[in-house]
């Protein structure tokens, strides 16, 4: 299977919580990679980029604090 890296993106993980304390500065994020794998990053630090190319951000498996605050970068 040929993987086109241009079809994926980097994903910046943000949060909607304006008062980020230590307990809330980590979220769970579930994505589909360009390789077709579903991967869940548990306790991923807010304010960082996922270390892979992403095709899809899942609503199930992703914390609500991060759901609408992630940013795709192509």
N, C-alpha and C. Protein backbone atom coordinates (compact mmCIF):
# COMPACT_ATOMS: atom_id res chain seq x y z
N UNK A 1 0.85 -1.18 0.00
CA UNK A 1 0.00 0.00 0.00
C UNK A 1 0.89 1.23 0.00
N UNK A 2 0.66 2.10 -0.94
CA UNK A 2 1.43 3.34 -1.00
C UNK A 2 0.77 4.39 -0.13
N UNK A 3 1.54 5.01 0.73
CA UNK A 3 1.01 6.04 1.63
C UNK A 3 1.39 7.41 1.10
N UNK A 4 0.41 8.24 0.88
CA UNK A 4 0.63 9.62 0.45
C UNK A 4 0.70 10.50 1.70
N UNK A 5 1.89 10.92 2.07
CA UNK A 5 2.03 11.70 3.30
C UNK A 5 1.33 13.05 3.20
N UNK A 6 1.09 13.53 1.99
CA UNK A 6 0.42 14.83 1.84
C UNK A 6 -1.05 14.77 2.22
N UNK A 7 -1.61 13.58 2.38
CA UNK A 7 -3.02 13.47 2.76
C UNK A 7 -3.22 13.60 4.25
N UNK A 8 -2.16 13.45 5.03
CA UNK A 8 -2.26 13.56 6.48
C UNK A 8 -1.85 14.93 6.96
N UNK A 9 -2.01 15.16 8.24
CA UNK A 9 -1.62 16.44 8.82
C UNK A 9 -1.02 16.22 10.20
N UNK A 10 -0.31 17.23 10.67
CA UNK A 10 0.09 17.24 12.07
C UNK A 10 -1.10 17.74 12.87
N UNK A 11 -1.22 17.31 14.11
CA UNK A 11 -2.34 17.74 14.93
C UNK A 11 -1.82 18.38 16.20
N UNK A 12 -2.15 19.67 16.38
CA UNK A 12 -1.84 20.39 17.60
C UNK A 12 -2.97 20.12 18.58
N UNK A 13 -2.64 19.72 19.79
CA UNK A 13 -3.64 19.40 20.80
C UNK A 13 -3.82 20.59 21.73
N UNK A 14 -4.99 21.21 21.64
CA UNK A 14 -5.32 22.34 22.50
C UNK A 14 -6.37 21.94 23.52
N UNK A 15 -6.85 22.92 24.27
CA UNK A 15 -7.87 22.67 25.27
C UNK A 15 -8.77 23.89 25.38
N UNK A 16 -10.00 23.67 25.82
CA UNK A 16 -10.93 24.77 26.03
C UNK A 16 -10.94 25.25 27.47
N UNK A 17 -10.07 24.72 28.31
CA UNK A 17 -10.04 25.06 29.72
C UNK A 17 -9.08 26.24 29.95
N UNK A 18 -9.64 27.39 30.28
CA UNK A 18 -8.82 28.59 30.46
C UNK A 18 -7.96 28.53 31.72
N UNK A 19 -8.32 27.70 32.67
CA UNK A 19 -7.57 27.61 33.92
C UNK A 19 -6.89 26.25 33.98
N UNK A 20 -5.84 26.07 33.19
CA UNK A 20 -5.17 24.78 33.09
C UNK A 20 -4.34 24.51 34.35
N UNK A 21 -4.83 23.61 35.20
CA UNK A 21 -4.00 23.16 36.29
C UNK A 21 -3.34 21.86 35.85
N UNK A 22 -2.47 21.31 36.64
CA UNK A 22 -1.70 20.13 36.26
C UNK A 22 -2.61 18.97 35.88
N UNK A 23 -3.68 18.74 36.63
CA UNK A 23 -4.57 17.61 36.36
C UNK A 23 -5.28 17.75 35.01
N UNK A 24 -5.52 18.98 34.56
CA UNK A 24 -6.24 19.21 33.31
C UNK A 24 -5.33 19.47 32.14
N UNK A 25 -4.02 19.45 32.33
CA UNK A 25 -3.10 19.77 31.25
C UNK A 25 -2.73 18.53 30.43
N UNK A 26 -3.41 17.43 30.67
CA UNK A 26 -3.21 16.19 29.91
C UNK A 26 -4.58 15.68 29.47
N UNK A 27 -4.69 15.25 28.21
CA UNK A 27 -5.96 14.77 27.67
C UNK A 27 -5.73 13.47 26.91
N UNK A 28 -6.81 12.74 26.67
CA UNK A 28 -6.77 11.55 25.81
C UNK A 28 -7.18 11.97 24.41
N UNK A 29 -6.43 11.51 23.40
CA UNK A 29 -6.71 11.85 22.01
C UNK A 29 -6.65 10.57 21.18
N UNK A 30 -7.73 10.31 20.42
CA UNK A 30 -7.78 9.13 19.55
C UNK A 30 -7.81 9.60 18.10
N UNK A 31 -6.90 9.05 17.28
CA UNK A 31 -6.77 9.46 15.88
C UNK A 31 -6.61 8.24 14.98
N UNK A 32 -6.84 8.48 13.68
CA UNK A 32 -6.50 7.51 12.64
C UNK A 32 -5.27 8.06 11.94
N UNK A 33 -4.22 7.23 11.82
CA UNK A 33 -2.97 7.66 11.19
C UNK A 33 -3.04 7.47 9.68
N UNK A 34 -2.06 8.02 8.95
CA UNK A 34 -2.04 7.84 7.50
C UNK A 34 -1.78 6.39 7.13
N UNK A 35 -1.29 5.61 8.07
CA UNK A 35 -1.09 4.18 7.84
C UNK A 35 -2.35 3.37 8.07
N UNK A 36 -3.44 4.03 8.50
CA UNK A 36 -4.71 3.35 8.72
C UNK A 36 -4.90 2.79 10.11
N UNK A 37 -3.99 3.10 11.03
CA UNK A 37 -4.10 2.59 12.41
C UNK A 37 -4.89 3.56 13.28
N UNK A 38 -5.73 3.02 14.16
CA UNK A 38 -6.40 3.81 15.18
C UNK A 38 -5.51 3.79 16.42
N UNK A 39 -5.13 4.99 16.88
CA UNK A 39 -4.20 5.11 18.00
C UNK A 39 -4.79 6.05 19.04
N UNK A 40 -4.75 5.64 20.31
CA UNK A 40 -5.18 6.51 21.41
C UNK A 40 -3.95 6.92 22.21
N UNK A 41 -3.76 8.22 22.34
CA UNK A 41 -2.70 8.76 23.19
C UNK A 41 -3.34 9.12 24.52
N UNK A 42 -3.00 8.40 25.56
CA UNK A 42 -3.55 8.65 26.89
C UNK A 42 -2.66 9.65 27.62
N UNK A 43 -3.30 10.59 28.30
CA UNK A 43 -2.58 11.61 29.07
C UNK A 43 -1.57 12.37 28.22
N UNK A 44 -2.00 12.77 27.03
CA UNK A 44 -1.13 13.54 26.13
C UNK A 44 -1.10 14.99 26.60
N UNK A 45 0.08 15.63 26.62
CA UNK A 45 0.17 17.00 27.13
C UNK A 45 -0.47 18.03 26.19
N UNK A 46 -1.34 18.85 26.74
CA UNK A 46 -1.96 19.95 26.00
C UNK A 46 -0.86 20.92 25.60
N UNK A 47 -0.96 21.45 24.38
CA UNK A 47 0.03 22.41 23.90
C UNK A 47 1.14 21.76 23.10
N UNK A 48 0.99 20.49 22.75
CA UNK A 48 2.00 19.75 21.98
C UNK A 48 1.39 19.24 20.68
N UNK A 49 2.25 18.82 19.76
CA UNK A 49 1.83 18.19 18.51
C UNK A 49 1.93 16.68 18.64
N UNK A 50 0.96 15.96 18.09
CA UNK A 50 1.07 14.50 18.05
C UNK A 50 2.25 14.13 17.15
N UNK A 51 3.02 13.11 17.51
CA UNK A 51 4.23 12.77 16.77
C UNK A 51 3.99 11.87 15.56
N UNK A 52 2.91 12.13 14.80
CA UNK A 52 2.61 11.34 13.61
C UNK A 52 1.64 12.11 12.72
N UNK A 53 1.46 11.62 11.50
CA UNK A 53 0.52 12.27 10.59
C UNK A 53 -0.87 11.67 10.76
N UNK A 54 -1.87 12.53 10.79
CA UNK A 54 -3.23 12.16 11.15
C UNK A 54 -4.18 12.35 9.98
N UNK A 55 -5.11 11.40 9.84
CA UNK A 55 -6.20 11.52 8.87
C UNK A 55 -7.50 11.95 9.53
N UNK A 56 -7.71 11.49 10.79
CA UNK A 56 -9.00 11.71 11.45
C UNK A 56 -8.81 11.81 12.95
N UNK A 57 -9.57 12.72 13.56
CA UNK A 57 -9.67 12.83 15.02
C UNK A 57 -11.02 12.25 15.41
N UNK A 58 -11.03 11.25 16.29
CA UNK A 58 -12.26 10.59 16.71
C UNK A 58 -12.91 11.33 17.87
N UNK A 59 -14.25 11.36 17.87
CA UNK A 59 -14.95 11.94 19.01
C UNK A 59 -14.99 10.96 20.18
N UNK A 60 -15.17 9.68 19.90
CA UNK A 60 -15.10 8.66 20.95
C UNK A 60 -13.63 8.37 21.22
N UNK A 61 -13.22 8.56 22.45
CA UNK A 61 -11.82 8.31 22.81
C UNK A 61 -11.01 9.58 22.95
N UNK A 62 -11.60 10.72 22.58
CA UNK A 62 -10.93 12.02 22.73
C UNK A 62 -11.67 12.81 23.81
N UNK A 63 -10.91 13.32 24.79
CA UNK A 63 -11.51 14.10 25.87
C UNK A 63 -12.24 15.33 25.32
N UNK A 64 -13.35 15.68 25.96
CA UNK A 64 -14.15 16.82 25.51
C UNK A 64 -13.36 18.13 25.58
N UNK A 65 -12.42 18.25 26.51
CA UNK A 65 -11.62 19.47 26.63
C UNK A 65 -10.78 19.71 25.38
N UNK A 66 -10.43 18.67 24.66
CA UNK A 66 -9.60 18.80 23.47
C UNK A 66 -10.40 18.68 22.17
N UNK A 67 -11.60 18.16 22.23
CA UNK A 67 -12.37 17.80 21.02
C UNK A 67 -12.44 18.93 20.00
N UNK A 68 -12.84 20.12 20.39
CA UNK A 68 -13.00 21.21 19.45
C UNK A 68 -11.83 22.20 19.50
N UNK A 69 -10.73 21.77 20.09
CA UNK A 69 -9.60 22.68 20.26
C UNK A 69 -8.30 22.14 19.71
N UNK A 70 -8.41 21.13 18.86
CA UNK A 70 -7.22 20.63 18.17
C UNK A 70 -7.13 21.36 16.82
N UNK A 71 -5.92 21.53 16.33
CA UNK A 71 -5.72 22.25 15.09
C UNK A 71 -4.91 21.41 14.12
N UNK A 72 -5.44 21.22 12.91
CA UNK A 72 -4.74 20.48 11.86
C UNK A 72 -3.76 21.41 11.17
N UNK A 73 -2.53 20.92 10.96
CA UNK A 73 -1.48 21.69 10.29
C UNK A 73 -1.01 20.89 9.08
N UNK A 74 -1.18 21.45 7.86
CA UNK A 74 -0.71 20.79 6.64
C UNK A 74 0.56 21.42 6.16
